[in-house]
Amino acid sequence: MAEVLENFEVINDLLLISWEAGDESYISLKALRDGCPCAECSGETDALGNLYMGYGRPKSSTGYTIMKVKPVGYYALQFTWGDGHDAGIYRFELLKELSDLTD
């Protein structure tokens, strides 16, 4: 069954998510940024399955601060980080996975 996000809030260095099913997720902003799914951060594969990574620019301390959160349809959130990075679209399934890693 697909996850349905009910509410979210950033408090200090955590993203708190309430899911419609009654579950809650807690994700550190460091885990969230380090788990960015964009092609620059996580790479992308071509038709032959070859993985191509971005430049791997180091993140500054502002790179772990959320400036803005934008819902993307009914399936994801997009974050604007303090260093201006905003390319990652975090599907709800990924947010649940990242929460499981920080438990």
PDB file of N, CA and C in Angstrom:
ATOM      1  N   MET A   1       0.835  -1.174   0.000  1.00  0.00           N
ATOM      2  CA  MET A   1       0.000   0.000   0.000  1.00  0.00           C
ATOM      3  C   MET A   1       0.885   1.243   0.000  1.00  0.00           C
ATOM      4  N   ALA A   2       0.543   2.242  -0.772  1.00  0.00           N
ATOM      5  CA  ALA A   2       1.323   3.463  -0.883  1.00  0.00           C
ATOM      6  C   ALA A   2       1.193   4.298   0.394  1.00  0.00           C
ATOM      7  N   GLU A   3       2.283   4.917   0.770  1.00  0.00           N
ATOM      8  CA  GLU A   3       2.281   5.789   1.933  1.00  0.00           C
ATOM      9  C   GLU A   3       1.561   7.091   1.598  1.00  0.00           C
ATOM     10  N   VAL A   4       0.824   7.621   2.565  1.00  0.00           N
ATOM     11  CA  VAL A   4       0.155   8.905   2.393  1.00  0.00           C
ATOM     12  C   VAL A   4       0.616   9.805   3.532  1.00  0.00           C
ATOM     13  N   LEU A   5       1.238  10.904   3.163  1.00  0.00           N
ATOM     14  CA  LEU A   5       1.753  11.845   4.153  1.00  0.00           C
ATOM     15  C   LEU A   5       0.624  12.718   4.673  1.00  0.00           C
ATOM     16  N   GLU A   6       0.544  12.823   5.984  1.00  0.00           N
ATOM     17  CA  GLU A   6      -0.493  13.651   6.593  1.00  0.00           C
ATOM     18  C   GLU A   6       0.060  15.024   6.958  1.00  0.00           C
ATOM     19  N   ASN A   7       1.262  15.063   7.553  1.00  0.00           N
ATOM     20  CA  ASN A   7       1.848  16.318   8.000  1.00  0.00           C
ATOM     21  C   ASN A   7       3.353  16.147   8.138  1.00  0.00           C
ATOM     22  N   PHE A   8       4.089  17.259   8.037  1.00  0.00           N
ATOM     23  CA  PHE A   8       5.532  17.217   8.272  1.00  0.00           C
ATOM     24  C   PHE A   8       5.972  18.513   8.921  1.00  0.00           C
ATOM     25  N   GLU A   9       7.103  18.435   9.623  1.00  0.00           N
ATOM     26  CA  GLU A   9       7.630  19.601  10.310  1.00  0.00           C
ATOM     27  C   GLU A   9       9.126  19.411  10.505  1.00  0.00           C
ATOM     28  N   VAL A  10       9.878  20.496  10.383  1.00  0.00           N
ATOM     29  CA  VAL A  10      11.306  20.467  10.661  1.00  0.00           C
ATOM     30  C   VAL A  10      11.507  21.092  12.030  1.00  0.00           C
ATOM     31  N   ILE A  11      12.120  20.313  12.926  1.00  0.00           N
ATOM     32  CA  ILE A  11      12.429  20.802  14.264  1.00  0.00           C
ATOM     33  C   ILE A  11      13.905  20.527  14.525  1.00  0.00           C
ATOM     34  N   ASN A  12      14.645  21.609  14.739  1.00  0.00           N
ATOM     35  CA  ASN A  12      16.086  21.531  14.956  1.00  0.00           C
ATOM     36  C   ASN A  12      16.747  20.782  13.812  1.00  0.00           C
ATOM     37  N   ASP A  13      17.324  19.621  14.089  1.00  0.00           N
ATOM     38  CA  ASP A  13      18.026  18.866  13.041  1.00  0.00           C
ATOM     39  C   ASP A  13      17.263  17.610  12.631  1.00  0.00           C
ATOM     40  N   LEU A  14      15.924  17.637  12.786  1.00  0.00           N
ATOM     41  CA  LEU A  14      15.088  16.483  12.432  1.00  0.00           C
ATOM     42  C   LEU A  14      13.931  16.885  11.535  1.00  0.00           C
ATOM     43  N   LEU A  15      13.586  15.990  10.612  1.00  0.00           N
ATOM     44  CA  LEU A  15      12.333  16.091   9.859  1.00  0.00           C
ATOM     45  C   LEU A  15      11.373  15.101  10.513  1.00  0.00           C
ATOM     46  N   LEU A  16      10.241  15.610  10.968  1.00  0.00           N
ATOM     47  CA  LEU A  16       9.214  14.771  11.591  1.00  0.00           C
ATOM     48  C   LEU A  16       8.068  14.634  10.605  1.00  0.00           C
ATOM     49  N   ILE A  17       7.631  13.388  10.383  1.00  0.00           N
ATOM     50  CA  ILE A  17       6.545  13.126   9.431  1.00  0.00           C
ATOM     51  C   ILE A  17       5.470  12.302  10.128  1.00  0.00           C
ATOM     52  N   SER A  18       4.224  12.734   9.944  1.00  0.00           N
ATOM     53  CA  SER A  18       3.063  11.954  10.381  1.00  0.00           C
ATOM     54  C   SER A  18       2.438  11.358   9.134  1.00  0.00           C
ATOM     55  N   TRP A  19       2.229  10.044   9.160  1.00  0.00           N
ATOM     56  CA  TRP A  19       1.627   9.345   8.030  1.00  0.00           C
ATOM     57  C   TRP A  19       0.152   9.109   8.327  1.00  0.00           C
ATOM     58  N   GLU A  20      -0.637   9.031   7.281  1.00  0.00           N
ATOM     59  CA  GLU A  20      -2.079   8.846   7.415  1.00  0.00           C
ATOM     60  C   GLU A  20      -2.430   7.578   8.191  1.00  0.00           C
ATOM     61  N   ALA A  21      -1.607   6.550   8.071  1.00  0.00           N
ATOM     62  CA  ALA A  21      -1.871   5.282   8.765  1.00  0.00           C
ATOM     63  C   ALA A  21      -1.614   5.372  10.263  1.00  0.00           C
ATOM     64  N   GLY A  22      -1.096   6.530  10.730  1.00  0.00           N
ATOM     65  CA  GLY A  22      -0.848   6.701  12.158  1.00  0.00           C
ATOM     66  C   GLY A  22       0.613   6.563  12.543  1.00  0.00           C
ATOM     67  N   ASP A  23       1.461   6.128  11.624  1.00  0.00           N
ATOM     68  CA  ASP A  23       2.892   6.005  11.904  1.00  0.00           C
ATOM     69  C   ASP A  23       3.536   7.377  11.917  1.00  0.00           C
ATOM     70  N   GLU A  24       4.705   7.455  12.557  1.00  0.00           N
ATOM     71  CA  GLU A  24       5.509   8.663  12.528  1.00  0.00           C
ATOM     72  C   GLU A  24       6.918   8.301  12.102  1.00  0.00           C
ATOM     73  N   SER A  25       7.559   9.212  11.398  1.00  0.00           N
ATOM     74  CA  SER A  25       8.945   9.027  10.973  1.00  0.00           C
ATOM     75  C   SER A  25       9.772  10.196  11.474  1.00  0.00           C
ATOM     76  N   TYR A  26      10.993   9.879  11.870  1.00  0.00           N
ATOM     77  CA  TYR A  26      11.949  10.880  12.322  1.00  0.00           C
ATOM     78  C   TYR A  26      13.214  10.675  11.506  1.00  0.00           C
ATOM     79  N   ILE A  27      13.639  11.717  10.790  1.00  0.00           N
ATOM     80  CA  ILE A  27      14.824  11.590   9.935  1.00  0.00           C
ATOM     81  C   ILE A  27      15.756  12.752  10.248  1.00  0.00           C
ATOM     82  N   SER A  28      17.018  12.435  10.557  1.00  0.00           N
ATOM     83  CA  SER A  28      17.973  13.512  10.784  1.00  0.00           C
ATOM     84  C   SER A  28      18.214  14.230   9.458  1.00  0.00           C
ATOM     85  N   LEU A  29      18.444  15.531   9.530  1.00  0.00           N
ATOM     86  CA  LEU A  29      18.675  16.296   8.309  1.00  0.00           C
ATOM     87  C   LEU A  29      19.953  15.829   7.616  1.00  0.00           C
ATOM     88  N   LYS A  30      20.923  15.360   8.384  1.00  0.00           N
ATOM     89  CA  LYS A  30      22.150  14.828   7.783  1.00  0.00           C
ATOM     90  C   LYS A  30      21.838  13.586   6.954  1.00  0.00           C
ATOM     91  N   ALA A  31      21.052  12.656   7.510  1.00  0.00           N
ATOM     92  CA  ALA A  31      20.682  11.446   6.770  1.00  0.00           C
ATOM     93  C   ALA A  31      19.841  11.806   5.546  1.00  0.00           C
ATOM     94  N   LEU A  32      18.987  12.812   5.702  1.00  0.00           N
ATOM     95  CA  LEU A  32      18.136  13.241   4.592  1.00  0.00           C
ATOM     96  C   LEU A  32      18.982  13.796   3.450  1.00  0.00           C
ATOM     97  N   ARG A  33      19.911  14.692   3.766  1.00  0.00           N
ATOM     98  CA  ARG A  33      20.742  15.292   2.714  1.00  0.00           C
ATOM     99  C   ARG A  33      21.701  14.265   2.129  1.00  0.00           C
ATOM    100  N   ASP A  34      22.304  13.436   2.982  1.00  0.00           N
ATOM    101  CA  ASP A  34      23.233  12.417   2.478  1.00  0.00           C
ATOM    102  C   ASP A  34      22.523  11.372   1.630  1.00  0.00           C
ATOM    103  N   GLY A  35      21.194  11.234   1.808  1.00  0.00           N
ATOM    104  CA  GLY A  35      20.402  10.294   1.019  1.00  0.00           C
ATOM    105  C   GLY A  35      19.722  10.934  -0.172  1.00  0.00           C
ATOM    106  N   CYS A  36      20.178  12.119  -0.566  1.00  0.00           N
ATOM    107  CA  CYS A  36      19.547  12.838  -1.685  1.00  0.00           C
ATOM    108  C   CYS A  36      19.510  11.951  -2.933  1.00  0.00           C
ATOM    109  N   PRO A  37      18.325  11.802  -3.541  1.00  0.00           N
ATOM    110  CA  PRO A  37      18.184  10.900  -4.685  1.00  0.00           C
ATOM    111  C   PRO A  37      18.487  11.517  -6.043  1.00  0.00           C
ATOM    112  N   CYS A  38      18.945  12.767  -6.100  1.00  0.00           N
ATOM    113  CA  CYS A  38      19.171  13.389  -7.408  1.00  0.00           C
ATOM    114  C   CYS A  38      20.362  12.742  -8.114  1.00  0.00           C
ATOM    115  N   ALA A  39      20.451  12.961  -9.406  1.00  0.00           N
ATOM    116  CA  ALA A  39      21.520  12.360 -10.214  1.00  0.00           C
ATOM    117  C   ALA A  39      22.894  12.850  -9.779  1.00  0.00           C
ATOM    118  N   GLU A  40      23.003  14.091  -9.357  1.00  0.00           N
ATOM    119  CA  GLU A  40      24.286  14.636  -8.911  1.00  0.00           C
ATOM    120  C   GLU A  40      24.787  13.909  -7.663  1.00  0.00           C
ATOM    121  N   CYS A  41      23.884  13.661  -6.719  1.00  0.00           N
ATOM    122  CA  CYS A  41      24.279  13.048  -5.441  1.00  0.00           C
ATOM    123  C   CYS A  41      24.310  11.523  -5.476  1.00  0.00           C
ATOM    124  N   SER A  42      23.328  10.904  -6.115  1.00  0.00           N
ATOM    125  CA  SER A  42      23.195   9.445  -6.091  1.00  0.00           C
ATOM    126  C   SER A  42      23.581   8.771  -7.395  1.00  0.00           C
ATOM    127  N   GLY A  43      23.806   9.556  -8.431  1.00  0.00           N
ATOM    128  CA  GLY A  43      24.157   8.992  -9.722  1.00  0.00           C
ATOM    129  C   GLY A  43      22.916   8.621 -10.520  1.00  0.00           C
ATOM    130  N   GLU A  44      23.164   8.264 -11.770  1.00  0.00           N
ATOM    131  CA  GLU A  44      22.085   7.798 -12.638  1.00  0.00           C
ATOM    132  C   GLU A  44      22.652   6.738 -13.569  1.00  0.00           C
ATOM    133  N   THR A  45      21.789   5.855 -14.027  1.00  0.00           N
ATOM    134  CA  THR A  45      22.237   4.778 -14.911  1.00  0.00           C
ATOM    135  C   THR A  45      21.778   5.039 -16.334  1.00  0.00           C
ATOM    136  N   ASP A  46      22.599   4.569 -17.270  1.00  0.00           N
ATOM    137  CA  ASP A  46      22.208   4.672 -18.672  1.00  0.00           C
ATOM    138  C   ASP A  46      21.458   3.401 -19.071  1.00  0.00           C
ATOM    139  N   ALA A  47      21.116   3.270 -20.334  1.00  0.00           N
ATOM    140  CA  ALA A  47      20.330   2.130 -20.823  1.00  0.00           C
ATOM    141  C   ALA A  47      21.061   0.803 -20.648  1.00  0.00           C
ATOM    142  N   LEU A  48      22.394   0.834 -20.532  1.00  0.00           N
ATOM    143  CA  LEU A  48      23.178  -0.385 -20.368  1.00  0.00           C
ATOM    144  C   LEU A  48      23.449  -0.713 -18.904  1.00  0.00           C
ATOM    145  N   GLY A  49      22.933   0.127 -17.995  1.00  0.00           N
ATOM    146  CA  GLY A  49      23.117  -0.137 -16.575  1.00  0.00           C
ATOM    147  C   GLY A  49      24.383   0.464 -15.984  1.00  0.00           C
ATOM    148  N   ASN A  50      25.120   1.252 -16.759  1.00  0.00           N
ATOM    149  CA  ASN A  50      26.316   1.912 -16.234  1.00  0.00           C
ATOM    150  C   ASN A  50      25.912   3.067 -15.331  1.00  0.00           C
ATOM    151  N   LEU A  51      26.527   3.160 -14.158  1.00  0.00           N
ATOM    152  CA  LEU A  51      26.214   4.203 -13.192  1.00  0.00           C
ATOM    153  C   LEU A  51      27.163   5.378 -13.395  1.00  0.00           C
ATOM    154  N   TYR A  52      26.610   6.561 -13.523  1.00  0.00           N
ATOM    155  CA  TYR A  52      27.395   7.787 -13.664  1.00  0.00           C
ATOM    156  C   TYR A  52      27.112   8.667 -12.458  1.00  0.00           C
ATOM    157  N   MET A  53      28.174   9.057 -11.754  1.00  0.00           N
ATOM    158  CA  MET A  53      28.047   9.876 -10.555  1.00  0.00           C
ATOM    159  C   MET A  53      28.306  11.334 -10.888  1.00  0.00           C
ATOM    160  N   GLY A  54      27.801  12.223 -10.036  1.00  0.00           N
ATOM    161  CA  GLY A  54      28.059  13.656 -10.172  1.00  0.00           C
ATOM    162  C   GLY A  54      29.472  13.969  -9.713  1.00  0.00           C
ATOM    163  N   TYR A  55      29.732  15.229  -9.539  1.00  0.00           N
ATOM    164  CA  TYR A  55      31.069  15.672  -9.171  1.00  0.00           C
ATOM    165  C   TYR A  55      31.395  15.437  -7.709  1.00  0.00           C
ATOM    166  N   GLY A  56      30.406  15.167  -6.896  1.00  0.00           N
ATOM    167  CA  GLY A  56      30.647  14.877  -5.490  1.00  0.00           C
ATOM    168  C   GLY A  56      31.187  16.065  -4.721  1.00  0.00           C
ATOM    169  N   ARG A  57      30.624  17.232  -5.003  1.00  0.00           N
ATOM    170  CA  ARG A  57      31.072  18.421  -4.286  1.00  0.00           C
ATOM    171  C   ARG A  57      30.848  18.247  -2.790  1.00  0.00           C
ATOM    172  N   PRO A  58      31.830  18.648  -1.985  1.00  0.00           N
ATOM    173  CA  PRO A  58      31.654  18.529  -0.529  1.00  0.00           C
ATOM    174  C   PRO A  58      30.530  19.451  -0.045  1.00  0.00           C
ATOM    175  N   LYS A  59      29.832  19.011   0.980  1.00  0.00           N
ATOM    176  CA  LYS A  59      28.734  19.802   1.536  1.00  0.00           C
ATOM    177  C   LYS A  59      29.274  20.674   2.664  1.00  0.00           C
ATOM    178  N   SER A  60      28.832  21.912   2.689  1.00  0.00           N
ATOM    179  CA  SER A  60      29.187  22.801   3.788  1.00  0.00           C
ATOM    180  C   SER A  60      28.182  22.584   4.918  1.00  0.00           C
ATOM    181  N   SER A  61      28.415  23.223   6.050  1.00  0.00           N
ATOM    182  CA  SER A  61      27.483  23.074   7.171  1.00  0.00           C
ATOM    183  C   SER A  61      26.091  23.595   6.797  1.00  0.00           C
ATOM    184  N   THR A  62      26.004  24.606   5.908  1.00  0.00           N
ATOM    185  CA  THR A  62      24.691  25.104   5.483  1.00  0.00           C
ATOM    186  C   THR A  62      23.981  24.103   4.580  1.00  0.00           C
ATOM    187  N   GLY A  63      24.723  23.155   4.019  1.00  0.00           N
ATOM    188  CA  GLY A  63      24.137  22.132   3.162  1.00  0.00           C
ATOM    189  C   GLY A  63      23.264  21.151   3.917  1.00  0.00           C
ATOM    190  N   TYR A  64      23.271  21.220   5.243  1.00  0.00           N
ATOM    191  CA  TYR A  64      22.453  20.339   6.068  1.00  0.00           C
ATOM    192  C   TYR A  64      21.317  21.102   6.756  1.00  0.00           C
ATOM    193  N   THR A  65      21.036  22.306   6.268  1.00  0.00           N
ATOM    194  CA  THR A  65      19.961  23.130   6.803  1.00  0.00           C
ATOM    195  C   THR A  65      18.878  23.261   5.730  1.00  0.00           C
ATOM    196  N   ILE A  66      17.635  22.998   6.103  1.00  0.00           N
ATOM    197  CA  ILE A  66      16.522  23.108   5.161  1.00  0.00           C
ATOM    198  C   ILE A  66      16.005  24.537   5.162  1.00  0.00           C
ATOM    199  N   MET A  67      15.928  25.121   3.982  1.00  0.00           N
ATOM    200  CA  MET A  67      15.397  26.468   3.823  1.00  0.00           C
ATOM    201  C   MET A  67      13.919  26.445   3.423  1.00  0.00           C
ATOM    202  N   LYS A  68      13.541  25.419   2.647  1.00  0.00           N
ATOM    203  CA  LYS A  68      12.165  25.347   2.143  1.00  0.00           C
ATOM    204  C   LYS A  68      11.817  23.891   1.852  1.00  0.00           C
ATOM    205  N   VAL A  69      10.559  23.534   2.066  1.00  0.00           N
ATOM    206  CA  VAL A  69      10.039  22.211   1.726  1.00  0.00           C
ATOM    207  C   VAL A  69       8.835  22.411   0.822  1.00  0.00           C
ATOM    208  N   LYS A  70       8.821  21.683  -0.293  1.00  0.00           N
ATOM    209  CA  LYS A  70       7.719  21.808  -1.249  1.00  0.00           C
ATOM    210  C   LYS A  70       7.153  20.421  -1.557  1.00  0.00           C
ATOM    211  N   PRO A  71       5.853  20.227  -1.358  1.00  0.00           N
ATOM    212  CA  PRO A  71       5.250  18.956  -1.771  1.00  0.00           C
ATOM    213  C   PRO A  71       5.318  18.824  -3.295  1.00  0.00           C
ATOM    214  N   VAL A  72       5.541  17.608  -3.756  1.00  0.00           N
ATOM    215  CA  VAL A  72       5.545  17.299  -5.187  1.00  0.00           C
ATOM    216  C   VAL A  72       4.403  16.314  -5.414  1.00  0.00           C
ATOM    217  N   GLY A  73       3.315  16.823  -5.964  1.00  0.00           N
ATOM    218  CA  GLY A  73       2.134  15.979  -6.149  1.00  0.00           C
ATOM    219  C   GLY A  73       1.702  15.374  -4.834  1.00  0.00           C
ATOM    220  N   TYR A  74       1.265  14.132  -4.885  1.00  0.00           N
ATOM    221  CA  TYR A  74       0.852  13.403  -3.682  1.00  0.00           C
ATOM    222  C   TYR A  74       1.792  12.241  -3.420  1.00  0.00           C
ATOM    223  N   TYR A  75       3.080  12.395  -3.812  1.00  0.00           N
ATOM    224  CA  TYR A  75       3.989  11.263  -3.691  1.00  0.00           C
ATOM    225  C   TYR A  75       5.386  11.617  -3.199  1.00  0.00           C
ATOM    226  N   ALA A  76       5.713  12.900  -3.034  1.00  0.00           N
ATOM    227  CA  ALA A  76       7.094  13.238  -2.696  1.00  0.00           C
ATOM    228  C   ALA A  76       7.202  14.628  -2.075  1.00  0.00           C
ATOM    229  N   LEU A  77       8.396  14.904  -1.504  1.00  0.00           N
ATOM    230  CA  LEU A  77       8.760  16.225  -1.021  1.00  0.00           C
ATOM    231  C   LEU A  77      10.056  16.646  -1.698  1.00  0.00           C
ATOM    232  N   GLN A  78      10.191  17.942  -1.919  1.00  0.00           N
ATOM    233  CA  GLN A  78      11.421  18.494  -2.479  1.00  0.00           C
ATOM    234  C   GLN A  78      11.937  19.543  -1.498  1.00  0.00           C
ATOM    235  N   PHE A  79      13.223  19.455  -1.175  1.00  0.00           N
ATOM    236  CA  PHE A  79      13.831  20.345  -0.194  1.00  0.00           C
ATOM    237  C   PHE A  79      14.771  21.326  -0.876  1.00  0.00           C
ATOM    238  N   THR A  80      14.800  22.549  -0.378  1.00  0.00           N
ATOM    239  CA  THR A  80      15.830  23.505  -0.763  1.00  0.00           C
ATOM    240  C   THR A  80      16.749  23.619   0.445  1.00  0.00           C
ATOM    241  N   TRP A  81      18.001  23.280   0.231  1.00  0.00           N
ATOM    242  CA  TRP A  81      18.989  23.270   1.298  1.00  0.00           C
ATOM    243  C   TRP A  81      19.696  24.615   1.381  1.00  0.00           C
ATOM    244  N   GLY A  82      20.348  24.876   2.503  1.00  0.00           N
ATOM    245  CA  GLY A  82      21.015  26.141   2.744  1.00  0.00           C
ATOM    246  C   GLY A  82      22.084  26.499   1.731  1.00  0.00           C
ATOM    247  N   ASP A  83      22.641  25.504   1.061  1.00  0.00           N
ATOM    248  CA  ASP A  83      23.663  25.772   0.040  1.00  0.00           C
ATOM    249  C   ASP A  83      23.046  25.932  -1.351  1.00  0.00           C
ATOM    250  N   GLY A  84      21.701  25.957  -1.422  1.00  0.00           N
ATOM    251  CA  GLY A  84      21.004  26.162  -2.692  1.00  0.00           C
ATOM    252  C   GLY A  84      20.622  24.890  -3.426  1.00  0.00           C
ATOM    253  N   HIS A  85      21.113  23.737  -2.979  1.00  0.00           N
ATOM    254  CA  HIS A  85      20.789  22.479  -3.656  1.00  0.00           C
ATOM    255  C   HIS A  85      19.297  22.182  -3.499  1.00  0.00           C
ATOM    256  N   ASP A  86      18.635  21.856  -4.634  1.00  0.00           N
ATOM    257  CA  ASP A  86      17.199  21.568  -4.573  1.00  0.00           C
ATOM    258  C   ASP A  86      16.757  20.560  -5.627  1.00  0.00           C
ATOM    259  N   ALA A  87      17.687  19.775  -6.133  1.00  0.00           N
ATOM    260  CA  ALA A  87      17.368  18.870  -7.243  1.00  0.00           C
ATOM    261  C   ALA A  87      16.734  17.547  -6.807  1.00  0.00           C
ATOM    262  N   GLY A  88      16.860  17.181  -5.555  1.00  0.00           N
ATOM    263  CA  GLY A  88      16.350  15.884  -5.106  1.00  0.00           C
ATOM    264  C   GLY A  88      14.856  15.892  -4.856  1.00  0.00           C
ATOM    265  N   ILE A  89      14.165  14.904  -5.405  1.00  0.00           N
ATOM    266  CA  ILE A  89      12.745  14.698  -5.132  1.00  0.00           C
ATOM    267  C   ILE A  89      12.643  13.404  -4.335  1.00  0.00           C
ATOM    268  N   TYR A  90      12.246  13.546  -3.073  1.00  0.00           N
ATOM    269  CA  TYR A  90      12.218  12.431  -2.128  1.00  0.00           C
ATOM    270  C   TYR A  90      10.837  11.795  -2.115  1.00  0.00           C
ATOM    271  N   ARG A  91      10.706  10.646  -2.787  1.00  0.00           N
ATOM    272  CA  ARG A  91       9.437   9.923  -2.782  1.00  0.00           C
ATOM    273  C   ARG A  91       9.137   9.473  -1.350  1.00  0.00           C
ATOM    274  N   PHE A  92       7.860   9.324  -1.025  1.00  0.00           N
ATOM    275  CA  PHE A  92       7.475   8.940   0.322  1.00  0.00           C
ATOM    276  C   PHE A  92       8.128   7.614   0.735  1.00  0.00           C
ATOM    277  N   GLU A  93       8.271   6.690  -0.202  1.00  0.00           N
ATOM    278  CA  GLU A  93       8.911   5.408   0.114  1.00  0.00           C
ATOM    279  C   GLU A  93      10.356   5.618   0.557  1.00  0.00           C
ATOM    280  N   LEU A  94      11.053   6.538  -0.086  1.00  0.00           N
ATOM    281  CA  LEU A  94      12.432   6.840   0.301  1.00  0.00           C
ATOM    282  C   LEU A  94      12.471   7.471   1.687  1.00  0.00           C
ATOM    283  N   LEU A  95      11.541   8.351   1.982  1.00  0.00           N
ATOM    284  CA  LEU A  95      11.498   8.956   3.315  1.00  0.00           C
ATOM    285  C   LEU A  95      11.298   7.898   4.386  1.00  0.00           C
ATOM    286  N   LYS A  96      10.443   6.913   4.128  1.00  0.00           N
ATOM    287  CA  LYS A  96      10.260   5.808   5.086  1.00  0.00           C
ATOM    288  C   LYS A  96      11.559   5.023   5.248  1.00  0.00           C
ATOM    289  N   GLU A  97      12.255   4.749   4.139  1.00  0.00           N
ATOM    290  CA  GLU A  97      13.527   4.033   4.212  1.00  0.00           C
ATOM    291  C   GLU A  97      14.555   4.801   5.023  1.00  0.00           C
ATOM    292  N   LEU A  98      14.665   6.103   4.778  1.00  0.00           N
ATOM    293  CA  LEU A  98      15.625   6.919   5.517  1.00  0.00           C
ATOM    294  C   LEU A  98      15.279   6.973   7.001  1.00  0.00           C
ATOM    295  N   SER A  99      13.994   6.948   7.311  1.00  0.00           N
ATOM    296  CA  SER A  99      13.555   6.910   8.705  1.00  0.00           C
ATOM    297  C   SER A  99      13.984   5.592   9.345  1.00  0.00           C
ATOM    298  N   ASP A 100      13.840   4.507   8.623  1.00  0.00           N
ATOM    299  CA  ASP A 100      14.226   3.193   9.151  1.00  0.00           C
ATOM    300  C   ASP A 100      15.723   3.138   9.450  1.00  0.00           C
ATOM    301  N   LEU A 101      16.530   3.865   8.667  1.00  0.00           N
ATOM    302  CA  LEU A 101      17.975   3.873   8.866  1.00  0.00           C
ATOM    303  C   LEU A 101      18.378   4.658  10.092  1.00  0.00           C
ATOM    304  N   THR A 102      17.577   5.626  10.505  1.00  0.00           N
ATOM    305  CA  THR A 102      17.947   6.469  11.630  1.00  0.00           C
ATOM    306  C   THR A 102      17.281   6.032  12.927  1.00  0.00           C
ATOM    307  N   ASP A 103      16.483   4.978  12.902  1.00  0.00           N
ATOM    308  CA  ASP A 103      15.827   4.485  14.119  1.00  0.00           C
ATOM    309  C   ASP A 103      16.841   3.883  15.072  1.00  0.00           C
TER     310      ASP A 103
END
